[in-house]
Every structure is written in structure tokens, then in C-alpha cells.
């Protein structure tokens, strides 16, 4: 696996993700979740496993709701920004990231789910 990085010559990952999604489905209207499995992005992983939830992975599921300081910190990470870019592909003001759910179903593996809902 590789960490998410972009060179100046490559398209934005959000554009690639929306293109692939739109190729498989007629519309992004039904998009409700964005998953990141086996998170290795250092910024995101460190924030969650060391700063926000230092006793991780003792709880199998962690939820951070929109508007909480922890949610805002996660949205400020690289994976949070990426999710924001994808949600930005919708018409302005029609969708938001409602919550972030972290899973630790297997030892030391962090999976994230960003829930998207209509506004």
C-alpha cells in the first residue's frame, strides 16, 4: 500500500473517485458513505490512534459527530480533506459529512467511514 500523495501532473484523487463512481452508477445522488480501509495515511492515523483515542484499539467502533472538535480535527487531515473534495462534487449546499466512524475490527488496523447526508 502507498500513502496518498499527489504530484502536480496527476489529477486530483477526488476527480478520479467521482469519475469511477459515476462510471459504475448513474448518479452520485445515492452516495452515502466513503470508506478508507487499512488507513496508513500518517497524519490521519496518528491523530486518531495517538491524539484523539490513545487507548485505541480497545473499542471496536469510534464515532465522531459533525460539529465536535474531534470531528473537525479529522476533517482537517488529508483523508478528511479528500472526503470534503468528493462531497464538494455535489451541488453546493446539498450534502454534508455527518459523522466519521472509525473501526478497529482487526488488531492495529484502522478503517474509516465518512457518512454523507442530504442537507
N, C-alpha and C. Protein backbone atom coordinates (compact mmCIF):
# COMPACT_ATOMS: atom_id res chain seq x y z
N UNK A 1 0.83 -1.19 0.00
CA UNK A 1 0.00 0.00 0.00
C UNK A 1 0.87 1.24 0.00
N UNK A 2 0.30 2.29 -0.52
CA UNK A 2 1.03 3.54 -0.56
C UNK A 2 0.23 4.62 0.13
N UNK A 3 0.93 5.59 0.67
CA UNK A 3 0.31 6.74 1.27
C UNK A 3 -0.25 7.62 0.15
N UNK A 4 -1.35 8.33 0.39
CA UNK A 4 -1.94 9.19 -0.63
C UNK A 4 -1.06 10.42 -0.82
N UNK A 5 -0.57 10.58 -2.01
CA UNK A 5 0.23 11.75 -2.37
C UNK A 5 -0.12 12.12 -3.80
N UNK A 6 0.03 13.37 -4.14
CA UNK A 6 -0.30 13.83 -5.48
C UNK A 6 0.88 14.59 -6.05
N UNK A 7 1.20 14.27 -7.29
CA UNK A 7 2.20 15.07 -7.99
C UNK A 7 1.44 16.14 -8.77
N UNK A 8 2.12 17.16 -9.17
CA UNK A 8 1.46 18.27 -9.87
C UNK A 8 0.89 17.86 -11.23
N UNK A 9 1.41 16.80 -11.82
CA UNK A 9 0.93 16.38 -13.13
C UNK A 9 -0.32 15.51 -13.05
N UNK A 10 -0.61 14.95 -11.91
CA UNK A 10 -1.71 13.99 -11.81
C UNK A 10 -3.02 14.69 -11.44
N UNK A 11 -4.15 14.09 -11.82
CA UNK A 11 -5.45 14.69 -11.45
C UNK A 11 -5.70 14.53 -9.95
N UNK A 12 -6.60 15.33 -9.43
CA UNK A 12 -6.98 15.20 -8.03
C UNK A 12 -7.64 13.85 -7.80
N UNK A 13 -7.36 13.23 -6.66
CA UNK A 13 -7.95 11.94 -6.34
C UNK A 13 -9.46 12.05 -6.26
N UNK A 14 -9.98 13.19 -5.83
CA UNK A 14 -11.43 13.37 -5.76
C UNK A 14 -12.06 13.29 -7.15
N UNK A 15 -11.39 13.85 -8.15
CA UNK A 15 -11.90 13.77 -9.51
C UNK A 15 -11.89 12.33 -10.00
N UNK A 16 -10.83 11.60 -9.69
CA UNK A 16 -10.76 10.20 -10.08
C UNK A 16 -11.85 9.39 -9.40
N UNK A 17 -12.04 9.62 -8.10
CA UNK A 17 -13.06 8.87 -7.35
C UNK A 17 -14.45 9.13 -7.90
N UNK A 18 -14.79 10.39 -8.16
CA UNK A 18 -16.11 10.71 -8.70
C UNK A 18 -16.29 10.16 -10.11
N UNK A 19 -15.24 10.17 -10.90
CA UNK A 19 -15.32 9.61 -12.25
C UNK A 19 -15.58 8.12 -12.20
N UNK A 20 -14.87 7.41 -11.36
CA UNK A 20 -15.07 5.97 -11.22
C UNK A 20 -16.47 5.68 -10.69
N UNK A 21 -16.88 6.43 -9.68
CA UNK A 21 -18.22 6.23 -9.12
C UNK A 21 -19.29 6.47 -10.18
N UNK A 22 -19.17 7.55 -10.93
CA UNK A 22 -20.16 7.88 -11.97
C UNK A 22 -20.15 6.88 -13.12
N UNK A 23 -19.03 6.23 -13.35
CA UNK A 23 -18.97 5.19 -14.38
C UNK A 23 -19.76 3.96 -13.96
N UNK A 24 -19.73 3.66 -12.68
CA UNK A 24 -20.43 2.48 -12.17
C UNK A 24 -21.91 2.74 -11.87
N UNK A 25 -22.22 3.96 -11.49
CA UNK A 25 -23.58 4.31 -11.08
C UNK A 25 -24.04 5.52 -11.88
N UNK A 26 -25.34 5.66 -12.05
CA UNK A 26 -25.87 6.74 -12.86
C UNK A 26 -25.68 8.11 -12.24
N UNK A 27 -25.61 8.17 -10.92
CA UNK A 27 -25.59 9.46 -10.25
C UNK A 27 -24.90 9.33 -8.90
N UNK A 28 -24.36 10.44 -8.44
CA UNK A 28 -23.79 10.44 -7.09
C UNK A 28 -24.86 10.68 -6.04
N UNK A 29 -26.13 10.82 -6.47
CA UNK A 29 -27.22 11.13 -5.53
C UNK A 29 -27.35 10.08 -4.43
N UNK A 30 -26.98 8.85 -4.73
CA UNK A 30 -27.13 7.77 -3.75
C UNK A 30 -25.89 7.55 -2.88
N UNK A 31 -24.85 8.32 -3.11
CA UNK A 31 -23.62 8.15 -2.35
C UNK A 31 -23.86 8.56 -0.89
N UNK A 32 -23.72 7.61 0.02
CA UNK A 32 -23.98 7.86 1.44
C UNK A 32 -22.76 7.65 2.33
N UNK A 33 -21.79 6.90 1.84
CA UNK A 33 -20.62 6.58 2.66
C UNK A 33 -19.36 6.58 1.80
N UNK A 34 -18.27 7.01 2.39
CA UNK A 34 -16.96 6.87 1.78
C UNK A 34 -16.10 6.12 2.79
N UNK A 35 -15.52 5.01 2.34
CA UNK A 35 -14.72 4.16 3.21
C UNK A 35 -13.23 4.29 2.88
N UNK A 36 -12.42 4.28 3.91
CA UNK A 36 -10.98 4.16 3.78
C UNK A 36 -10.60 2.94 4.60
N UNK A 37 -10.11 1.91 3.95
CA UNK A 37 -9.76 0.69 4.67
C UNK A 37 -8.26 0.61 4.87
N UNK A 38 -7.88 0.05 5.99
CA UNK A 38 -6.49 -0.10 6.37
C UNK A 38 -5.76 1.24 6.21
N UNK A 39 -6.17 2.20 7.02
CA UNK A 39 -5.63 3.57 6.93
C UNK A 39 -4.15 3.57 7.29
N UNK A 40 -3.34 4.03 6.34
CA UNK A 40 -1.91 4.17 6.59
C UNK A 40 -1.46 5.62 6.47
N UNK A 41 -2.37 6.50 6.07
CA UNK A 41 -2.01 7.92 5.99
C UNK A 41 -1.54 8.35 7.37
N UNK A 42 -0.30 8.75 7.46
CA UNK A 42 0.33 9.02 8.76
C UNK A 42 -0.39 10.11 9.55
N UNK A 43 -0.78 11.18 8.88
CA UNK A 43 -1.43 12.30 9.57
C UNK A 43 -2.76 11.84 10.20
N UNK A 44 -3.58 11.18 9.42
CA UNK A 44 -4.89 10.75 9.90
C UNK A 44 -4.76 9.67 10.97
N UNK A 45 -3.94 8.68 10.70
CA UNK A 45 -3.78 7.57 11.63
C UNK A 45 -3.21 8.04 12.97
N UNK A 46 -2.20 8.87 12.94
CA UNK A 46 -1.59 9.37 14.18
C UNK A 46 -2.59 10.19 14.98
N UNK A 47 -3.33 11.06 14.31
CA UNK A 47 -4.32 11.87 15.01
C UNK A 47 -5.32 10.98 15.76
N UNK A 48 -5.84 9.98 15.08
CA UNK A 48 -6.88 9.14 15.70
C UNK A 48 -6.29 8.20 16.75
N UNK A 49 -5.23 7.51 16.41
CA UNK A 49 -4.73 6.46 17.31
C UNK A 49 -3.87 6.97 18.45
N UNK A 50 -3.34 8.18 18.33
CA UNK A 50 -2.48 8.69 19.41
C UNK A 50 -3.06 9.91 20.10
N UNK A 51 -3.66 10.82 19.34
CA UNK A 51 -4.14 12.07 19.93
C UNK A 51 -5.60 11.99 20.40
N UNK A 52 -6.50 11.55 19.52
CA UNK A 52 -7.92 11.54 19.87
C UNK A 52 -8.33 10.32 20.68
N UNK A 53 -7.71 9.21 20.41
CA UNK A 53 -8.13 7.97 21.04
C UNK A 53 -6.92 7.15 21.45
N UNK A 54 -6.16 7.64 22.48
CA UNK A 54 -4.91 6.97 22.83
C UNK A 54 -5.06 5.53 23.31
N UNK A 55 -6.25 5.12 23.74
CA UNK A 55 -6.42 3.73 24.17
C UNK A 55 -6.82 2.82 23.01
N UNK A 56 -6.83 3.37 21.79
CA UNK A 56 -7.14 2.57 20.61
C UNK A 56 -6.16 1.42 20.52
N UNK A 57 -6.53 0.27 20.15
CA UNK A 57 -7.77 -0.21 19.59
C UNK A 57 -8.66 -0.97 20.56
N UNK A 58 -8.79 -0.51 21.79
CA UNK A 58 -9.60 -1.25 22.76
C UNK A 58 -11.09 -1.25 22.43
N UNK A 59 -11.60 -0.20 21.80
CA UNK A 59 -13.01 -0.16 21.39
C UNK A 59 -13.09 -0.47 19.90
N UNK A 60 -13.98 -1.38 19.50
CA UNK A 60 -14.04 -1.75 18.09
C UNK A 60 -14.62 -0.66 17.19
N UNK A 61 -15.45 0.25 17.73
CA UNK A 61 -16.06 1.30 16.91
C UNK A 61 -15.98 2.63 17.66
N UNK A 62 -15.57 3.67 16.94
CA UNK A 62 -15.50 5.02 17.50
C UNK A 62 -16.27 5.93 16.55
N UNK A 63 -17.09 6.83 17.09
CA UNK A 63 -17.89 7.72 16.24
C UNK A 63 -17.64 9.17 16.65
N UNK A 64 -17.44 10.02 15.64
CA UNK A 64 -17.26 11.45 15.86
C UNK A 64 -18.31 12.18 15.04
N UNK A 65 -19.19 12.91 15.71
CA UNK A 65 -20.30 13.59 15.07
C UNK A 65 -19.90 14.97 14.54
N UNK A 66 -20.60 15.40 13.51
CA UNK A 66 -20.40 16.73 12.92
C UNK A 66 -20.50 17.79 14.02
N UNK A 67 -19.60 18.75 13.99
CA UNK A 67 -19.64 19.85 14.94
C UNK A 67 -18.81 19.66 16.19
N UNK A 68 -18.34 18.45 16.45
CA UNK A 68 -17.50 18.23 17.63
C UNK A 68 -16.05 18.58 17.28
N UNK A 69 -15.26 18.96 18.28
CA UNK A 69 -13.85 19.29 18.00
C UNK A 69 -13.08 18.13 17.37
N UNK A 70 -13.35 16.91 17.81
CA UNK A 70 -12.66 15.74 17.26
C UNK A 70 -13.01 15.54 15.78
N UNK A 71 -14.28 15.72 15.44
CA UNK A 71 -14.73 15.62 14.05
C UNK A 71 -13.98 16.64 13.19
N UNK A 72 -13.92 17.87 13.68
CA UNK A 72 -13.26 18.94 12.92
C UNK A 72 -11.77 18.63 12.73
N UNK A 73 -11.14 18.03 13.73
CA UNK A 73 -9.73 17.66 13.60
C UNK A 73 -9.55 16.59 12.53
N UNK A 74 -10.43 15.60 12.51
CA UNK A 74 -10.34 14.54 11.50
C UNK A 74 -10.58 15.12 10.10
N UNK A 75 -11.55 16.01 9.98
CA UNK A 75 -11.84 16.63 8.68
C UNK A 75 -10.63 17.45 8.22
N UNK A 76 -9.83 17.93 9.15
CA UNK A 76 -8.63 18.69 8.81
C UNK A 76 -7.45 17.85 8.34
N UNK A 77 -7.57 16.53 8.40
CA UNK A 77 -6.49 15.65 7.94
C UNK A 77 -6.58 15.45 6.43
N UNK A 78 -5.60 14.79 5.88
CA UNK A 78 -5.57 14.55 4.43
C UNK A 78 -6.79 13.75 3.97
N UNK A 79 -7.15 12.70 4.70
CA UNK A 79 -8.31 11.90 4.30
C UNK A 79 -9.61 12.67 4.50
N UNK A 80 -9.66 13.52 5.51
CA UNK A 80 -10.83 14.38 5.70
C UNK A 80 -10.98 15.37 4.57
N UNK A 81 -9.86 15.96 4.16
CA UNK A 81 -9.89 16.90 3.03
C UNK A 81 -10.34 16.20 1.76
N UNK A 82 -9.82 14.99 1.53
CA UNK A 82 -10.19 14.23 0.35
C UNK A 82 -11.69 13.97 0.33
N UNK A 83 -12.25 13.59 1.46
CA UNK A 83 -13.69 13.36 1.55
C UNK A 83 -14.44 14.65 1.28
N UNK A 84 -13.95 15.74 1.82
CA UNK A 84 -14.57 17.04 1.56
C UNK A 84 -14.57 17.40 0.09
N UNK A 85 -13.47 17.08 -0.61
CA UNK A 85 -13.40 17.35 -2.04
C UNK A 85 -14.45 16.54 -2.80
N UNK A 86 -14.61 15.29 -2.40
CA UNK A 86 -15.59 14.43 -3.07
C UNK A 86 -17.00 14.95 -2.81
N UNK A 87 -17.30 15.30 -1.55
CA UNK A 87 -18.62 15.85 -1.23
C UNK A 87 -18.82 17.18 -1.96
N UNK A 88 -17.74 17.90 -2.19
CA UNK A 88 -17.81 19.14 -2.95
C UNK A 88 -18.21 18.94 -4.40
N UNK A 89 -18.18 17.68 -4.87
CA UNK A 89 -18.62 17.37 -6.22
C UNK A 89 -20.13 17.46 -6.38
N UNK A 90 -20.86 17.48 -5.28
CA UNK A 90 -22.31 17.66 -5.32
C UNK A 90 -22.62 19.13 -5.51
N UNK A 91 -23.86 19.43 -5.85
CA UNK A 91 -24.27 20.84 -5.90
C UNK A 91 -24.06 21.45 -4.52
N UNK A 92 -23.58 22.67 -4.52
CA UNK A 92 -23.24 23.35 -3.28
C UNK A 92 -24.43 23.40 -2.31
N UNK A 93 -24.16 23.04 -1.05
CA UNK A 93 -25.17 23.12 -0.01
C UNK A 93 -26.19 21.99 0.00
N UNK A 94 -25.93 20.92 -0.76
CA UNK A 94 -26.90 19.82 -0.80
C UNK A 94 -26.50 18.62 0.04
N UNK A 95 -25.22 18.48 0.36
CA UNK A 95 -24.73 17.35 1.15
C UNK A 95 -23.73 17.85 2.18
N UNK A 96 -23.56 17.04 3.22
CA UNK A 96 -22.54 17.32 4.22
C UNK A 96 -22.01 16.01 4.78
N UNK A 97 -20.85 16.10 5.39
CA UNK A 97 -20.31 14.94 6.10
C UNK A 97 -20.91 14.99 7.49
N UNK A 98 -21.72 13.99 7.83
CA UNK A 98 -22.46 14.00 9.09
C UNK A 98 -21.65 13.45 10.25
N UNK A 99 -20.82 12.46 9.97
CA UNK A 99 -20.04 11.85 11.04
C UNK A 99 -18.91 11.04 10.44
N UNK A 100 -17.95 10.74 11.29
CA UNK A 100 -16.85 9.86 10.93
C UNK A 100 -16.90 8.70 11.90
N UNK A 101 -16.84 7.49 11.36
CA UNK A 101 -16.85 6.30 12.20
C UNK A 101 -15.53 5.56 11.96
N UNK A 102 -14.84 5.27 13.04
CA UNK A 102 -13.59 4.51 12.96
C UNK A 102 -13.81 3.10 13.46
N UNK A 103 -13.26 2.15 12.74
CA UNK A 103 -13.40 0.74 13.09
C UNK A 103 -12.03 0.14 13.36
N UNK A 104 -11.98 -0.69 14.36
CA UNK A 104 -10.78 -1.47 14.62
C UNK A 104 -11.24 -2.91 14.79
N UNK A 105 -11.60 -3.52 13.67
CA UNK A 105 -12.14 -4.88 13.71
C UNK A 105 -11.03 -5.93 13.82
N UNK A 106 -9.85 -5.56 13.35
CA UNK A 106 -8.68 -6.44 13.45
C UNK A 106 -7.58 -5.66 14.14
N UNK A 107 -6.76 -6.32 14.85
CA UNK A 107 -5.72 -5.67 15.64
C UNK A 107 -4.88 -4.71 14.81
N UNK A 108 -4.76 -3.49 15.29
CA UNK A 108 -3.92 -2.44 14.70
C UNK A 108 -4.31 -2.02 13.29
N UNK A 109 -5.48 -2.39 12.83
CA UNK A 109 -5.95 -1.94 11.51
C UNK A 109 -7.06 -0.93 11.73
N UNK A 110 -6.89 0.24 11.18
CA UNK A 110 -7.87 1.31 11.31
C UNK A 110 -8.61 1.47 9.99
N UNK A 111 -9.93 1.36 10.03
CA UNK A 111 -10.79 1.63 8.89
C UNK A 111 -11.66 2.82 9.25
N UNK A 112 -11.95 3.67 8.26
CA UNK A 112 -12.79 4.84 8.50
C UNK A 112 -13.97 4.85 7.54
N UNK A 113 -15.09 5.32 8.04
CA UNK A 113 -16.28 5.53 7.22
C UNK A 113 -16.73 6.96 7.43
N UNK A 114 -16.84 7.71 6.35
CA UNK A 114 -17.37 9.06 6.40
C UNK A 114 -18.81 8.99 5.91
N UNK A 115 -19.76 9.36 6.76
CA UNK A 115 -21.18 9.31 6.41
C UNK A 115 -21.59 10.63 5.77
N UNK A 116 -22.24 10.52 4.62
CA UNK A 116 -22.70 11.70 3.88
C UNK A 116 -24.21 11.72 3.93
N UNK A 117 -24.77 12.90 4.21
CA UNK A 117 -26.23 13.01 4.26
C UNK A 117 -26.70 14.28 3.56
N UNK A 118 -27.95 14.25 3.05
CA UNK A 118 -28.50 15.46 2.43
C UNK A 118 -28.69 16.55 3.48
N UNK A 119 -28.63 17.79 3.04
CA UNK A 119 -28.86 18.91 3.96
C UNK A 119 -30.26 19.47 3.73
